[in-house]
N, C-alpha and C. Protein backbone atom coordinates (compact mmCIF):
# COMPACT_ATOMS: atom_id res chain seq x y z
N UNK A 1 1.39 20.44 2.12
CA UNK A 1 1.04 19.37 1.24
C UNK A 1 1.94 19.67 -0.03
N UNK A 2 2.55 18.58 -0.64
CA UNK A 2 3.37 18.80 -1.72
C UNK A 2 2.57 19.06 -2.98
N UNK A 3 3.17 19.72 -3.93
CA UNK A 3 2.46 20.09 -5.14
C UNK A 3 2.88 19.13 -6.27
N UNK A 4 2.16 18.88 -7.30
CA UNK A 4 2.68 18.13 -8.36
C UNK A 4 2.57 16.63 -8.15
N UNK A 5 3.27 16.00 -9.00
CA UNK A 5 3.22 14.57 -8.97
C UNK A 5 4.09 13.99 -7.91
N UNK A 6 3.76 12.85 -7.26
CA UNK A 6 4.68 12.32 -6.42
C UNK A 6 5.93 11.72 -7.10
N UNK A 7 7.03 11.89 -6.50
CA UNK A 7 8.15 11.50 -7.18
C UNK A 7 8.35 9.91 -7.21
N UNK A 8 8.87 9.35 -8.41
CA UNK A 8 8.85 8.08 -8.57
C UNK A 8 10.09 7.45 -7.84
N UNK A 9 10.00 6.35 -7.28
CA UNK A 9 11.13 5.72 -6.67
C UNK A 9 12.14 5.35 -7.72
N UNK A 10 13.54 5.35 -7.49
CA UNK A 10 14.51 5.03 -8.29
C UNK A 10 14.20 3.59 -8.91
N UNK A 11 13.82 2.69 -8.22
CA UNK A 11 13.50 1.41 -8.74
C UNK A 11 12.50 1.45 -9.91
N UNK A 12 11.47 2.20 -9.78
CA UNK A 12 10.61 2.27 -10.88
C UNK A 12 11.05 3.15 -12.03
N UNK A 13 11.91 4.13 -11.78
CA UNK A 13 12.52 4.93 -12.89
C UNK A 13 13.50 4.07 -13.62
N UNK A 14 14.31 3.09 -12.97
CA UNK A 14 15.21 2.24 -13.64
C UNK A 14 14.41 1.40 -14.74
N UNK A 15 13.29 0.99 -14.39
CA UNK A 15 12.44 0.25 -15.35
C UNK A 15 11.87 1.05 -16.39
N UNK A 16 11.24 2.20 -16.07
CA UNK A 16 10.59 2.89 -17.02
C UNK A 16 11.55 3.62 -17.96
N UNK A 17 12.73 3.81 -17.64
CA UNK A 17 13.78 4.42 -18.47
C UNK A 17 13.73 5.98 -17.99
N UNK A 18 14.59 6.64 -18.59
CA UNK A 18 14.76 8.15 -18.16
C UNK A 18 14.57 9.09 -19.37
N UNK A 19 13.31 9.25 -19.85
CA UNK A 19 13.17 10.16 -20.99
C UNK A 19 13.54 11.57 -20.74
N UNK A 20 13.40 11.97 -19.55
CA UNK A 20 13.81 13.37 -19.14
C UNK A 20 15.33 13.52 -18.92
N UNK A 21 16.05 12.53 -18.92
CA UNK A 21 17.66 12.51 -18.74
C UNK A 21 17.94 13.15 -17.28
N UNK A 22 17.09 13.09 -16.37
CA UNK A 22 17.35 13.62 -14.98
C UNK A 22 18.27 12.45 -14.47
N UNK A 23 19.06 12.89 -13.43
CA UNK A 23 19.88 11.80 -12.72
C UNK A 23 19.13 11.07 -11.76
N UNK A 24 19.51 9.76 -11.40
CA UNK A 24 18.91 8.93 -10.60
C UNK A 24 19.40 9.30 -9.12
N UNK A 25 18.65 8.89 -8.09
CA UNK A 25 19.09 9.19 -6.83
C UNK A 25 19.85 7.86 -6.31
N UNK A 26 21.13 7.98 -6.37
CA UNK A 26 22.03 6.85 -6.02
C UNK A 26 22.00 6.65 -4.54
N UNK A 27 21.67 7.57 -3.74
CA UNK A 27 21.56 7.47 -2.19
C UNK A 27 20.22 7.22 -1.72
N UNK A 28 19.34 6.77 -2.60
CA UNK A 28 17.90 6.53 -2.19
C UNK A 28 18.13 5.37 -1.00
N UNK A 29 17.45 5.44 0.09
CA UNK A 29 17.50 4.38 1.14
C UNK A 29 16.82 3.08 0.67
N UNK A 30 17.41 1.99 1.05
CA UNK A 30 16.91 0.70 0.85
C UNK A 30 16.30 0.05 2.12
N UNK A 31 14.98 -0.22 2.10
CA UNK A 31 14.38 -0.80 3.40
C UNK A 31 14.98 -2.02 3.88
N UNK A 32 15.08 -2.19 5.15
CA UNK A 32 15.63 -3.50 5.66
C UNK A 32 14.57 -4.59 5.45
N UNK A 33 15.03 -5.80 5.37
CA UNK A 33 14.21 -6.93 5.23
C UNK A 33 13.83 -7.55 6.76
N UNK A 34 12.84 -8.23 6.75
CA UNK A 34 12.55 -9.01 8.12
C UNK A 34 11.11 -9.13 8.22
N UNK A 35 10.78 -9.93 9.20
CA UNK A 35 9.24 -10.30 9.48
C UNK A 35 8.65 -9.10 10.04
N UNK A 36 7.52 -8.59 9.51
CA UNK A 36 6.83 -7.51 10.40
C UNK A 36 5.75 -8.04 11.18
N UNK A 37 5.75 -7.58 12.35
CA UNK A 37 4.86 -8.01 13.44
C UNK A 37 3.62 -7.23 13.48
N UNK A 38 2.52 -7.80 13.96
CA UNK A 38 1.33 -7.06 14.06
C UNK A 38 1.24 -6.00 15.38
N UNK A 39 1.06 -4.79 15.17
CA UNK A 39 1.09 -3.88 16.26
C UNK A 39 -0.02 -4.30 17.35
N UNK A 40 0.27 -4.10 18.60
CA UNK A 40 -0.70 -4.58 19.72
C UNK A 40 -1.85 -3.71 19.80
N UNK A 41 -1.86 -2.42 19.18
CA UNK A 41 -3.04 -1.56 19.44
C UNK A 41 -4.10 -1.83 18.47
N UNK A 42 -3.98 -2.67 17.48
CA UNK A 42 -5.01 -2.91 16.42
C UNK A 42 -6.24 -3.62 17.08
N UNK A 43 -7.36 -3.28 16.48
CA UNK A 43 -8.62 -3.85 17.07
C UNK A 43 -8.59 -5.41 16.67
N UNK A 44 -9.46 -6.29 17.16
CA UNK A 44 -9.51 -7.60 16.75
C UNK A 44 -9.75 -7.82 15.40
N UNK A 45 -10.63 -7.07 14.70
CA UNK A 45 -10.94 -7.31 13.21
C UNK A 45 -9.74 -6.72 12.49
N UNK A 46 -9.16 -5.71 12.87
CA UNK A 46 -7.88 -5.15 12.17
C UNK A 46 -6.74 -6.27 12.22
N UNK A 47 -6.61 -6.85 13.43
CA UNK A 47 -5.61 -7.90 13.72
C UNK A 47 -5.87 -9.17 12.62
N UNK A 48 -7.06 -9.45 12.58
CA UNK A 48 -7.53 -10.54 11.65
C UNK A 48 -7.06 -10.12 10.28
N UNK A 49 -7.39 -8.87 9.85
CA UNK A 49 -7.13 -8.34 8.53
C UNK A 49 -5.57 -8.45 8.28
N UNK A 50 -4.72 -8.03 9.28
CA UNK A 50 -3.18 -7.97 9.32
C UNK A 50 -2.83 -9.33 9.06
N UNK A 51 -3.38 -10.25 9.67
CA UNK A 51 -2.95 -11.83 9.55
C UNK A 51 -3.23 -12.29 8.26
N UNK A 52 -4.31 -11.81 7.64
CA UNK A 52 -4.73 -12.26 6.28
C UNK A 52 -3.85 -11.70 5.19
N UNK A 53 -3.34 -10.50 5.42
CA UNK A 53 -2.71 -9.83 4.26
C UNK A 53 -1.26 -9.51 4.40
N UNK A 54 -0.81 -9.32 5.66
CA UNK A 54 0.71 -8.96 5.73
C UNK A 54 1.60 -9.96 5.23
N UNK A 55 1.41 -11.28 5.38
CA UNK A 55 2.28 -12.22 4.91
C UNK A 55 2.39 -12.28 3.43
N UNK A 56 1.22 -12.19 2.81
CA UNK A 56 1.09 -12.20 1.33
C UNK A 56 1.81 -10.97 0.78
N UNK A 57 1.61 -9.69 1.30
CA UNK A 57 2.38 -8.53 0.72
C UNK A 57 3.73 -8.57 0.97
N UNK A 58 4.31 -9.12 2.07
CA UNK A 58 5.66 -9.38 2.29
C UNK A 58 6.20 -10.40 1.23
N UNK A 59 5.51 -11.42 1.04
CA UNK A 59 5.98 -12.46 0.11
C UNK A 59 6.13 -11.81 -1.29
N UNK A 60 5.10 -10.94 -1.63
CA UNK A 60 5.17 -10.33 -3.04
C UNK A 60 6.26 -9.23 -3.12
N UNK A 61 6.93 -8.99 -2.00
CA UNK A 61 7.93 -8.08 -2.00
C UNK A 61 7.56 -6.67 -2.02
N UNK A 62 6.27 -6.36 -1.63
CA UNK A 62 5.69 -5.08 -1.66
C UNK A 62 5.91 -4.24 -0.37
N UNK A 63 5.77 -4.94 0.77
CA UNK A 63 6.06 -4.24 2.05
C UNK A 63 7.22 -4.79 2.72
N UNK A 64 7.88 -3.89 3.54
CA UNK A 64 9.02 -4.19 4.35
C UNK A 64 8.83 -3.65 5.68
N UNK A 65 9.91 -3.87 6.57
CA UNK A 65 9.69 -3.43 8.00
C UNK A 65 9.31 -1.88 8.16
N UNK A 66 9.76 -1.04 7.22
CA UNK A 66 9.38 0.34 7.32
C UNK A 66 8.04 0.76 7.02
N UNK A 67 7.30 -0.23 6.25
CA UNK A 67 5.88 -0.04 5.87
C UNK A 67 4.99 -0.62 6.95
N UNK A 68 5.42 -0.89 8.08
CA UNK A 68 4.52 -1.45 9.12
C UNK A 68 3.43 -0.52 9.54
N UNK A 69 3.71 0.79 9.71
CA UNK A 69 2.80 1.82 10.02
C UNK A 69 1.70 2.01 8.81
N UNK A 70 1.94 2.09 7.76
CA UNK A 70 1.07 2.24 6.58
C UNK A 70 0.15 0.92 6.46
N UNK A 71 0.67 -0.29 6.71
CA UNK A 71 -0.16 -1.51 6.74
C UNK A 71 -1.14 -1.42 8.06
N UNK A 72 -0.57 -0.96 9.07
CA UNK A 72 -1.30 -1.04 10.25
C UNK A 72 -2.39 -0.07 10.11
N UNK A 73 -2.18 1.11 9.55
CA UNK A 73 -3.24 2.21 9.22
C UNK A 73 -4.45 1.57 8.31
N UNK A 74 -4.00 0.86 7.22
CA UNK A 74 -4.98 0.15 6.38
C UNK A 74 -5.78 -0.78 7.19
N UNK A 75 -5.19 -1.65 8.14
CA UNK A 75 -5.92 -2.65 8.73
C UNK A 75 -6.67 -1.96 9.80
N UNK A 76 -6.40 -0.93 10.48
CA UNK A 76 -7.24 -0.28 11.32
C UNK A 76 -8.47 0.40 10.70
N UNK A 77 -8.11 1.06 9.61
CA UNK A 77 -9.41 1.45 8.64
C UNK A 77 -10.30 0.41 8.35
N UNK A 78 -9.69 -0.67 7.98
CA UNK A 78 -10.54 -1.96 7.65
C UNK A 78 -11.43 -2.29 8.93
N UNK A 79 -10.85 -2.40 10.08
CA UNK A 79 -11.53 -2.83 11.42
C UNK A 79 -12.68 -1.77 11.66
N UNK A 80 -12.31 -0.40 11.45
CA UNK A 80 -13.31 0.56 11.84
C UNK A 80 -14.49 0.47 10.69
N UNK A 81 -14.16 0.23 9.59
CA UNK A 81 -15.23 0.14 8.35
C UNK A 81 -16.10 -1.02 8.79
N UNK A 82 -15.61 -2.19 9.07
CA UNK A 82 -16.49 -3.39 9.48
C UNK A 82 -17.25 -3.08 10.60
N UNK A 83 -16.71 -2.45 11.63
CA UNK A 83 -17.47 -1.99 12.80
C UNK A 83 -18.69 -1.08 12.42
N UNK A 84 -18.32 -0.13 11.52
CA UNK A 84 -19.49 0.80 11.21
C UNK A 84 -20.54 0.14 10.36
N UNK A 85 -20.19 -0.77 9.45
CA UNK A 85 -21.01 -1.63 8.70
C UNK A 85 -21.98 -2.37 9.56
N UNK A 86 -21.33 -3.04 10.60
CA UNK A 86 -22.08 -3.83 11.58
C UNK A 86 -23.18 -2.99 12.23
N UNK A 87 -22.82 -1.77 12.69
CA UNK A 87 -23.72 -0.92 13.34
C UNK A 87 -24.78 -0.39 12.35
N UNK A 88 -24.45 -0.17 11.07
CA UNK A 88 -25.51 0.23 10.24
C UNK A 88 -26.62 -0.90 9.91
N UNK A 89 -26.22 -2.17 10.15
CA UNK A 89 -27.13 -3.21 10.00
C UNK A 89 -28.31 -3.05 10.99
N UNK A 90 -27.91 -2.60 12.22
CA UNK A 90 -28.91 -2.37 13.38
C UNK A 90 -29.67 -1.04 13.32
N UNK A 91 -29.16 -0.03 12.72
CA UNK A 91 -29.80 1.27 12.69
C UNK A 91 -30.19 1.69 11.25
N UNK A 92 -31.13 2.63 11.28
CA UNK A 92 -31.55 3.11 9.77
C UNK A 92 -30.50 3.90 9.20
N UNK A 93 -30.53 4.17 7.90
CA UNK A 93 -29.59 5.03 7.26
C UNK A 93 -29.78 6.46 7.47
N UNK A 94 -31.03 6.97 7.77
CA UNK A 94 -31.27 8.34 8.16
C UNK A 94 -31.88 8.29 9.61
N UNK A 95 -31.38 9.22 10.39
CA UNK A 95 -31.85 9.33 11.80
C UNK A 95 -32.35 10.79 12.12
N UNK A 96 -33.12 10.82 13.02
CA UNK A 96 -33.71 12.16 13.54
C UNK A 96 -32.85 12.74 14.65
N UNK A 97 -32.50 13.81 14.62
CA UNK A 97 -31.66 14.57 15.56
C UNK A 97 -32.56 14.92 16.77
N UNK A 98 -32.02 15.34 17.87
CA UNK A 98 -32.82 15.73 18.98
C UNK A 98 -33.57 17.04 18.69
N UNK A 99 -33.16 17.81 17.67
CA UNK A 99 -33.99 19.01 17.40
C UNK A 99 -34.93 18.69 16.23
N UNK A 100 -35.03 17.40 15.83
CA UNK A 100 -36.12 17.11 14.85
C UNK A 100 -35.63 17.00 13.43
N UNK A 101 -34.43 17.38 13.12
CA UNK A 101 -33.95 17.22 11.77
C UNK A 101 -33.59 15.85 11.28
N UNK A 102 -33.76 15.51 10.20
CA UNK A 102 -33.47 14.30 9.60
C UNK A 102 -32.00 14.41 8.91
N UNK A 103 -31.09 13.54 9.46
CA UNK A 103 -29.61 13.45 8.91
C UNK A 103 -29.25 12.09 8.74
N UNK A 104 -28.14 11.95 7.92
CA UNK A 104 -27.41 10.78 7.65
C UNK A 104 -26.99 10.19 8.93
N UNK A 105 -27.12 8.91 9.07
CA UNK A 105 -26.52 8.09 10.30
C UNK A 105 -25.06 8.34 10.37
N UNK A 106 -24.56 8.81 11.56
CA UNK A 106 -23.16 9.00 11.66
C UNK A 106 -22.29 7.89 11.43
N UNK A 107 -22.85 6.64 11.58
CA UNK A 107 -22.09 5.43 11.33
C UNK A 107 -21.88 5.30 9.80
N UNK A 108 -22.82 5.77 8.92
CA UNK A 108 -22.64 5.89 7.55
C UNK A 108 -21.51 6.68 7.23
N UNK A 109 -21.39 7.89 7.91
CA UNK A 109 -20.30 8.77 7.68
C UNK A 109 -18.87 8.17 8.12
N UNK A 110 -18.79 7.48 9.03
CA UNK A 110 -17.66 6.65 9.59
C UNK A 110 -17.45 5.74 8.53
N UNK A 111 -18.26 4.88 8.03
CA UNK A 111 -18.10 3.79 7.13
C UNK A 111 -17.45 4.38 5.83
N UNK A 112 -18.11 5.45 5.39
CA UNK A 112 -17.69 6.13 3.99
C UNK A 112 -16.30 6.54 4.20
N UNK A 113 -15.94 7.25 5.25
CA UNK A 113 -14.61 7.80 5.52
C UNK A 113 -13.54 6.68 5.59
N UNK A 114 -13.89 5.57 6.35
CA UNK A 114 -12.96 4.53 6.30
C UNK A 114 -12.69 3.73 5.14
N UNK A 115 -13.73 3.81 4.34
CA UNK A 115 -13.68 3.10 2.94
C UNK A 115 -12.80 3.96 2.18
N UNK A 116 -12.93 5.28 2.23
CA UNK A 116 -11.99 6.23 1.36
C UNK A 116 -10.60 6.11 1.85
N UNK A 117 -10.31 5.99 3.10
CA UNK A 117 -9.00 5.77 3.54
C UNK A 117 -8.38 4.42 3.10
N UNK A 118 -9.12 3.39 3.28
CA UNK A 118 -8.72 2.05 2.83
C UNK A 118 -8.35 2.14 1.43
N UNK A 119 -9.20 2.85 0.57
CA UNK A 119 -8.75 2.80 -1.03
C UNK A 119 -7.46 3.52 -1.15
N UNK A 120 -7.23 4.50 -0.28
CA UNK A 120 -5.85 5.16 -0.50
C UNK A 120 -4.72 4.21 -0.26
N UNK A 121 -4.98 3.52 1.01
CA UNK A 121 -3.97 2.67 1.44
C UNK A 121 -3.79 1.41 0.57
N UNK A 122 -4.97 1.07 0.11
CA UNK A 122 -4.72 -0.12 -0.96
C UNK A 122 -4.10 0.15 -2.28
N UNK A 123 -4.19 1.51 -2.67
CA UNK A 123 -3.31 1.95 -3.85
C UNK A 123 -1.95 1.86 -3.47
N UNK A 124 -1.50 2.47 -2.29
CA UNK A 124 -0.07 2.56 -2.02
C UNK A 124 0.54 1.20 -1.74
N UNK A 125 -0.25 0.28 -1.22
CA UNK A 125 0.29 -0.96 -0.80
C UNK A 125 0.22 -2.04 -1.91
N UNK A 126 -0.51 -1.82 -3.01
CA UNK A 126 -0.52 -2.68 -4.09
C UNK A 126 -1.51 -3.74 -3.74
N UNK A 127 -2.64 -3.46 -3.02
CA UNK A 127 -3.52 -4.58 -2.66
C UNK A 127 -4.72 -4.77 -3.70
N UNK A 128 -5.13 -3.76 -4.50
CA UNK A 128 -5.99 -3.96 -5.51
C UNK A 128 -5.38 -4.41 -7.02
N UNK A 129 -6.09 -5.13 -7.72
CA UNK A 129 -5.27 -5.67 -8.94
C UNK A 129 -4.73 -4.61 -9.83
N UNK A 130 -5.55 -3.38 -9.80
CA UNK A 130 -4.93 -2.40 -10.72
C UNK A 130 -3.69 -1.75 -10.19
N UNK A 131 -3.62 -1.62 -8.81
CA UNK A 131 -2.57 -1.06 -8.12
C UNK A 131 -1.31 -2.01 -8.21
N UNK A 132 -1.58 -3.33 -8.16
CA UNK A 132 -0.41 -4.21 -8.19
C UNK A 132 0.38 -4.14 -9.50
N UNK A 133 -0.25 -3.60 -10.57
CA UNK A 133 0.45 -3.51 -11.80
C UNK A 133 1.34 -2.35 -11.77
N UNK A 134 1.02 -1.44 -10.96
CA UNK A 134 1.86 -0.13 -10.87
C UNK A 134 2.92 -0.27 -9.65
N UNK A 135 3.05 -1.24 -8.82
CA UNK A 135 3.88 -1.32 -7.74
C UNK A 135 5.10 -2.14 -7.97
N UNK A 136 6.24 -1.59 -7.77
CA UNK A 136 7.53 -2.25 -7.94
C UNK A 136 7.88 -2.98 -6.63
N UNK A 137 8.26 -4.27 -6.98
CA UNK A 137 8.56 -5.25 -5.93
C UNK A 137 10.05 -5.61 -5.85
N UNK A 138 10.72 -5.57 -4.75
CA UNK A 138 12.19 -5.76 -4.61
C UNK A 138 12.28 -7.20 -4.37
N UNK A 139 13.28 -7.85 -5.16
CA UNK A 139 13.42 -9.38 -4.83
C UNK A 139 14.29 -9.45 -3.60
N UNK A 140 13.84 -10.60 -2.82
CA UNK A 140 14.34 -10.74 -1.61
C UNK A 140 15.87 -10.91 -1.56
N UNK A 141 16.58 -11.39 -2.64
CA UNK A 141 17.96 -11.64 -2.52
C UNK A 141 18.84 -10.43 -2.94
N UNK A 142 18.13 -9.27 -3.16
CA UNK A 142 18.81 -8.02 -3.52
C UNK A 142 19.65 -7.67 -2.34
N UNK A 143 20.97 -7.09 -2.60
CA UNK A 143 21.86 -6.66 -1.63
C UNK A 143 21.57 -5.26 -1.16
N UNK A 144 22.36 -4.57 -0.44
CA UNK A 144 22.05 -3.34 0.07
C UNK A 144 21.87 -2.33 -0.95
N UNK A 145 22.41 -2.38 -2.22
CA UNK A 145 21.99 -1.63 -3.28
C UNK A 145 20.86 -2.16 -4.06
N UNK A 146 20.20 -1.24 -4.83
CA UNK A 146 19.02 -1.81 -5.56
C UNK A 146 19.62 -2.54 -6.79
N UNK A 147 19.57 -3.85 -6.82
CA UNK A 147 20.26 -4.52 -7.98
C UNK A 147 19.20 -5.17 -8.82
N UNK A 148 18.16 -5.71 -8.39
CA UNK A 148 17.30 -6.39 -9.21
C UNK A 148 15.80 -5.81 -9.03
N UNK A 149 14.98 -5.45 -9.98
CA UNK A 149 13.68 -4.91 -9.59
C UNK A 149 12.75 -5.77 -10.60
N UNK A 150 11.55 -5.94 -10.14
CA UNK A 150 10.54 -6.69 -10.80
C UNK A 150 9.18 -5.89 -10.73
N UNK A 151 8.57 -5.74 -11.83
CA UNK A 151 7.10 -5.14 -11.80
C UNK A 151 6.19 -6.38 -11.71
N UNK A 152 5.34 -6.23 -10.70
CA UNK A 152 4.38 -7.23 -10.58
C UNK A 152 3.34 -7.12 -11.62
N UNK A 153 3.00 -8.20 -12.26
CA UNK A 153 2.00 -8.32 -13.41
C UNK A 153 2.18 -7.42 -14.47
N UNK A 154 3.36 -6.84 -14.62
CA UNK A 154 3.48 -5.77 -15.75
C UNK A 154 4.47 -6.30 -16.87
N UNK A 155 5.17 -7.31 -16.69
CA UNK A 155 6.05 -7.77 -17.66
C UNK A 155 5.80 -9.18 -18.03
N UNK A 156 6.30 -9.69 -19.17
CA UNK A 156 6.05 -10.93 -19.74
C UNK A 156 6.49 -12.12 -18.64
N UNK A 157 5.92 -13.21 -18.77
CA UNK A 157 6.12 -14.30 -17.75
C UNK A 157 7.38 -15.22 -18.21
N UNK A 158 8.09 -14.94 -19.23
CA UNK A 158 9.00 -15.78 -19.72
C UNK A 158 10.37 -15.62 -19.12
N UNK A 159 10.93 -16.48 -18.32
CA UNK A 159 12.27 -16.46 -17.79
C UNK A 159 12.64 -15.19 -17.12
N UNK A 160 13.76 -14.55 -17.56
CA UNK A 160 14.32 -13.25 -16.87
C UNK A 160 13.84 -12.16 -17.54
N UNK A 161 12.81 -12.09 -18.39
CA UNK A 161 12.24 -10.94 -19.07
C UNK A 161 11.66 -10.00 -18.02
N UNK A 162 11.47 -10.30 -16.85
CA UNK A 162 10.84 -9.48 -15.83
C UNK A 162 11.94 -8.86 -14.89
N UNK A 163 13.18 -8.98 -15.21
CA UNK A 163 14.25 -8.38 -14.38
C UNK A 163 15.19 -7.44 -15.20
N UNK A 164 15.70 -6.49 -14.38
CA UNK A 164 16.75 -5.48 -14.88
C UNK A 164 17.81 -5.58 -13.99
N UNK A 165 19.05 -5.68 -14.34
CA UNK A 165 20.09 -5.50 -13.49
C UNK A 165 20.61 -3.99 -13.49
N UNK A 166 20.38 -3.51 -12.27
CA UNK A 166 20.77 -1.95 -12.11
C UNK A 166 22.23 -1.74 -12.29
N UNK A 167 23.15 -2.58 -12.29
CA UNK A 167 24.52 -2.30 -12.39
C UNK A 167 24.90 -2.03 -13.72
N UNK A 168 23.94 -2.19 -14.77
CA UNK A 168 24.26 -1.89 -16.20
C UNK A 168 23.75 -0.47 -16.45
N UNK A 169 23.27 0.16 -15.42
CA UNK A 169 22.69 1.49 -15.69
C UNK A 169 23.50 2.64 -14.83
N UNK A 170 23.96 3.65 -15.47
CA UNK A 170 24.60 4.69 -14.80
C UNK A 170 23.76 5.52 -14.09
N UNK A 171 23.96 5.60 -12.76
CA UNK A 171 23.05 6.14 -11.82
C UNK A 171 23.18 7.77 -11.86
N UNK A 172 24.26 8.29 -12.09
CA UNK A 172 24.47 9.61 -12.09
C UNK A 172 24.89 10.30 -13.36
C-alpha cells in the first residue's frame, strides 16, 4: 500500500499550477480513445448499470478504454448491492445462527460492503456531484500529447475560460 497522498495527474497539476515548483511528468501516458464495450461476465443488473452510465461518463471525457476494468468493478458492485438489497426485503435484519446466537443478516454485510466499494469507485470515476468537481476531463480532440484540459463544473461557463493550452507551459 502506498503511503501519503495519491499523486496528481499532470493534467490536473497543469490546471492547479505548480506551487512546489516540481517538474511535470512529460512522459505521462495518454489513454487511447474509443468505445468501451460491456464485459460479458457482468450480471444482468450490472450490465443495465453499465448501459446507463458508461456512455455518459465517456461523453463527459472521464473514462477511456483503459478505465474499463474500474467501470466494470463499479457496475458489478452495484449489481451485487442490488441483489443483496432484494434478499434483505425477504429476510429479517437479524438472524439466529444454528448455535442460537443472534447476528446481523449476512446479506446486510454484503450490501454494506458493496455500497462501500461503490462509493470508492464513484469517487474515482466522477459519478457523484462532489467528485465531478474534482475530476479532470480530457477533450476528445486532444492529440497524443496533453494539449487541452477542462475541469468539470469547476471553472466559469463563459467561452474558453475553462481551457488551458498545455503548450504554453514548460513541462520540465
